[in-house]
C-alpha atoms as a PDB file:
ATOM      1  CA  MET A   1     -14.855  14.157  -1.084  1.00  0.00           C
ATOM      2  CA  GLU A   2     -15.941  17.650  -2.414  1.00  0.00           C
ATOM      3  CA  THR A   3     -15.977  18.264  -5.854  1.00  0.00           C
ATOM      4  CA  ILE A   4     -15.389  21.507  -7.412  1.00  0.00           C
ATOM      5  CA  GLY A   5     -17.100  23.281 -10.127  1.00  0.00           C
ATOM      6  CA  PRO A   6     -15.648  24.418 -13.307  1.00  0.00           C
ATOM      7  CA  GLU A   7     -14.837  28.121 -12.082  1.00  0.00           C
ATOM      8  CA  GLN A   8     -13.330  26.934  -8.880  1.00  0.00           C
ATOM      9  CA  LEU A   9     -11.240  24.527 -11.093  1.00  0.00           C
ATOM     10  CA  LYS A  10      -9.899  27.286 -13.397  1.00  0.00           C
ATOM     11  CA  GLN A  11      -8.677  29.308 -10.413  1.00  0.00           C
ATOM     12  CA  LEU A  12      -6.846  26.235  -8.883  1.00  0.00           C
ATOM     13  CA  VAL A  13      -5.079  25.979 -12.014  1.00  0.00           C
ATOM     14  CA  ASP A  14      -4.333  29.543 -12.302  1.00  0.00           C
ATOM     15  CA  GLU A  15      -3.250  29.839  -9.078  1.00  0.00           C
ATOM     16  CA  THR A  16      -1.026  26.607  -9.218  1.00  0.00           C
ATOM     17  CA  ARG A  17       0.779  27.502 -12.170  1.00  0.00           C
ATOM     18  CA  VAL A  18       3.257  29.846 -10.376  1.00  0.00           C
ATOM     19  CA  ALA A  19       6.867  28.384  -9.586  1.00  0.00           C
ATOM     20  CA  GLY A  20       6.554  27.526  -5.732  1.00  0.00           C
ATOM     21  CA  CYS A  21       2.889  27.261  -5.531  1.00  0.00           C
ATOM     22  CA  GLY A  22       1.076  25.363  -2.658  1.00  0.00           C
ATOM     23  CA  VAL A  23       0.767  22.414  -4.677  1.00  0.00           C
ATOM     24  CA  GLU A  24       4.708  22.165  -5.818  1.00  0.00           C
ATOM     25  CA  ARG A  25       5.306  23.125  -2.074  1.00  0.00           C
ATOM     26  CA  THR A  26       3.426  20.010  -0.613  1.00  0.00           C
ATOM     27  CA  LEU A  27       4.741  17.676  -3.051  1.00  0.00           C
ATOM     28  CA  ARG A  28       8.323  18.562  -1.902  1.00  0.00           C
ATOM     29  CA  VAL A  29       7.672  17.829   1.540  1.00  0.00           C
ATOM     30  CA  LEU A  30       5.938  14.533   0.356  1.00  0.00           C
ATOM     31  CA  ASP A  31       8.359  13.595  -2.246  1.00  0.00           C
ATOM     32  CA  GLY A  32       7.894   9.863  -2.950  1.00  0.00           C
ATOM     33  CA  LYS A  33       6.105   6.716  -1.541  1.00  0.00           C
ATOM     34  CA  TRP A  34       8.151   6.539   1.350  1.00  0.00           C
ATOM     35  CA  ALA A  35       7.574   9.923   2.904  1.00  0.00           C
ATOM     36  CA  THR A  36       4.072  10.137   2.380  1.00  0.00           C
ATOM     37  CA  LEU A  37       3.817   6.692   3.915  1.00  0.00           C
ATOM     38  CA  VAL A  38       5.931   7.423   6.989  1.00  0.00           C
ATOM     39  CA  VAL A  39       3.608  10.717   7.603  1.00  0.00           C
ATOM     40  CA  ARG A  40       0.727   7.921   7.332  1.00  0.00           C
ATOM     41  CA  GLU A  41       1.824   5.886   9.916  1.00  0.00           C
ATOM     42  CA  LEU A  42       3.226   8.656  12.233  1.00  0.00           C
ATOM     43  CA  LEU A  43      -0.210  10.077  12.104  1.00  0.00           C
ATOM     44  CA  SER A  44      -1.058   7.318  14.784  1.00  0.00           C
ATOM     45  CA  GLY A  45       1.457   8.123  17.118  1.00  0.00           C
ATOM     46  CA  PRO A  46       5.119   8.306  17.779  1.00  0.00           C
ATOM     47  CA  LYS A  47       7.098   5.103  16.326  1.00  0.00           C
ATOM     48  CA  ARG A  48      10.943   3.646  16.065  1.00  0.00           C
ATOM     49  CA  PHE A  49      13.041   3.231  13.262  1.00  0.00           C
ATOM     50  CA  GLY A  50      11.912  -0.487  13.088  1.00  0.00           C
ATOM     51  CA  GLU A  51       8.191  -0.113  13.232  1.00  0.00           C
ATOM     52  CA  LEU A  52       8.254   2.421  10.290  1.00  0.00           C
ATOM     53  CA  ARG A  53      10.310   0.252   8.478  1.00  0.00           C
ATOM     54  CA  ALA A  54       7.799  -2.482   8.889  1.00  0.00           C
ATOM     55  CA  ALA A  55       4.980  -0.566   8.834  1.00  0.00           C
ATOM     56  CA  VAL A  56       5.597   1.280   5.095  1.00  0.00           C
ATOM     57  CA  GLY A  57       6.843  -1.750   3.232  1.00  0.00           C
ATOM     58  CA  THR A  58      10.398  -2.238   4.115  1.00  0.00           C
ATOM     59  CA  PRO A  59      12.534   0.060   2.062  1.00  0.00           C
ATOM     60  CA  SER A  60      16.195   0.236   2.608  1.00  0.00           C
ATOM     61  CA  ALA A  61      17.595   1.026   5.743  1.00  0.00           C
ATOM     62  CA  LYS A  62      18.916   4.192   3.717  1.00  0.00           C
ATOM     63  CA  THR A  63      16.238   5.120   1.990  1.00  0.00           C
ATOM     64  CA  LEU A  64      14.203   5.064   4.993  1.00  0.00           C
ATOM     65  CA  THR A  65      17.469   7.273   6.923  1.00  0.00           C
ATOM     66  CA  ASP A  66      17.155   9.739   4.109  1.00  0.00           C
ATOM     67  CA  ARG A  67      13.585  10.353   4.050  1.00  0.00           C
ATOM     68  CA  LEU A  68      13.298  10.496   7.995  1.00  0.00           C
ATOM     69  CA  ARG A  69      16.326  13.086   7.957  1.00  0.00           C
ATOM     70  CA  SER A  70      14.269  15.107   4.686  1.00  0.00           C
ATOM     71  CA  LEU A  71      11.321  15.276   6.759  1.00  0.00           C
ATOM     72  CA  GLU A  72      13.246  16.235  10.376  1.00  0.00           C
ATOM     73  CA  HIS A  73      14.819  19.144   8.236  1.00  0.00           C
ATOM     74  CA  GLN A  74      11.459  20.381   6.608  1.00  0.00           C
ATOM     75  CA  GLY A  75       9.913  20.183  10.174  1.00  0.00           C
ATOM     76  CA  ILE A  76       7.302  17.692   9.732  1.00  0.00           C
ATOM     77  CA  LEU A  77       8.716  15.103  12.275  1.00  0.00           C
ATOM     78  CA  THR A  78      11.079  15.115  15.656  1.00  0.00           C
ATOM     79  CA  ARG A  79      13.608  12.585  16.000  1.00  0.00           C
ATOM     80  CA  THR A  80      14.080  12.283  19.896  1.00  0.00           C
ATOM     81  CA  VAL A  81      17.090   9.890  21.324  1.00  0.00           C
ATOM     82  CA  HIS A  82      16.420   8.410  24.465  1.00  0.00           C
ATOM     83  CA  ALA A  83      19.776   8.011  26.693  1.00  0.00           C
ATOM     84  CA  GLU A  84      19.024   4.363  27.406  1.00  0.00           C
ATOM     85  CA  VAL A  85      20.938   1.177  26.510  1.00  0.00           C
ATOM     86  CA  PRO A  86      20.789   0.457  23.967  1.00  0.00           C
ATOM     87  CA  PRO A  87      19.903   3.796  22.506  1.00  0.00           C
ATOM     88  CA  ARG A  88      16.186   4.065  21.645  1.00  0.00           C
ATOM     89  CA  VAL A  89      15.077   6.556  18.918  1.00  0.00           C
ATOM     90  CA  VAL A  90      11.601   7.701  18.552  1.00  0.00           C
ATOM     91  CA  TYR A  91      10.037   9.330  15.615  1.00  0.00           C
ATOM     92  CA  GLU A  92       6.767  11.698  16.128  1.00  0.00           C
ATOM     93  CA  LEU A  93       5.198  14.466  13.797  1.00  0.00           C
ATOM     94  CA  THR A  94       5.028  18.137  14.496  1.00  0.00           C
ATOM     95  CA  GLU A  95       2.163  20.265  14.350  1.00  0.00           C
ATOM     96  CA  ARG A  96       3.253  21.220  11.099  1.00  0.00           C
ATOM     97  CA  GLY A  97       3.333  17.412  10.255  1.00  0.00           C
ATOM     98  CA  HIS A  98       0.026  16.521  11.786  1.00  0.00           C
ATOM     99  CA  SER A  99      -1.429  19.377   9.400  1.00  0.00           C
ATOM    100  CA  LEU A 100      -0.733  17.094   6.537  1.00  0.00           C
ATOM    101  CA  GLY A 101      -3.647  14.862   7.958  1.00  0.00           C
ATOM    102  CA  GLY A 102      -6.474  16.161   5.744  1.00  0.00           C
ATOM    103  CA  ILE A 103      -4.252  15.987   2.846  1.00  0.00           C
ATOM    104  CA  LEU A 104      -3.537  12.139   3.328  1.00  0.00           C
ATOM    105  CA  HIS A 105      -7.226  11.601   4.295  1.00  0.00           C
ATOM    106  CA  ALA A 106      -8.331  13.006   0.637  1.00  0.00           C
ATOM    107  CA  MET A 107      -5.814  10.921  -0.837  1.00  0.00           C
ATOM    108  CA  LEU A 108      -7.423   7.774   0.925  1.00  0.00           C
ATOM    109  CA  VAL A 109     -10.685   9.038  -0.137  1.00  0.00           C
ATOM    110  CA  TRP A 110      -9.855   9.360  -3.956  1.00  0.00           C
ATOM    111  CA  GLY A 111      -8.123   6.091  -3.796  1.00  0.00           C
ATOM    112  CA  GLU A 112     -10.990   4.173  -2.518  1.00  0.00           C
ATOM    113  CA  ALA A 113     -13.111   5.885  -5.024  1.00  0.00           C
ATOM    114  CA  ASN A 114     -10.745   4.931  -7.623  1.00  0.00           C
ATOM    115  CA  PRO A 115      -9.176   1.674  -7.647  1.00  0.00           C
ATOM    116  CA  ALA A 116      -6.598   0.407  -9.934  1.00  0.00           C
END
């Protein structure tokens, strides 16, 4: 991961002090553990509700539903209902959702370099 120098760091801090800055907007999208993990899982392709729930660590159905609705509302993912019996619902990242891949990759690199 690229490190930034003191001048770049000062500029970053100055630019992110304002309300509604890019950092704040990104954090609103990736609000909480479950939203971030849902995006991570969907980066590899479309998934059904049960697949997502098992992959991210079994949040309650209500919590996961709330996060999926929020991400859908923000244009990060789409929810497609297939007219089958039983109905099949598939979640998939939009182009906007896929654009979060670089952010998650940076988080992965940092997390591996800085174990808890």
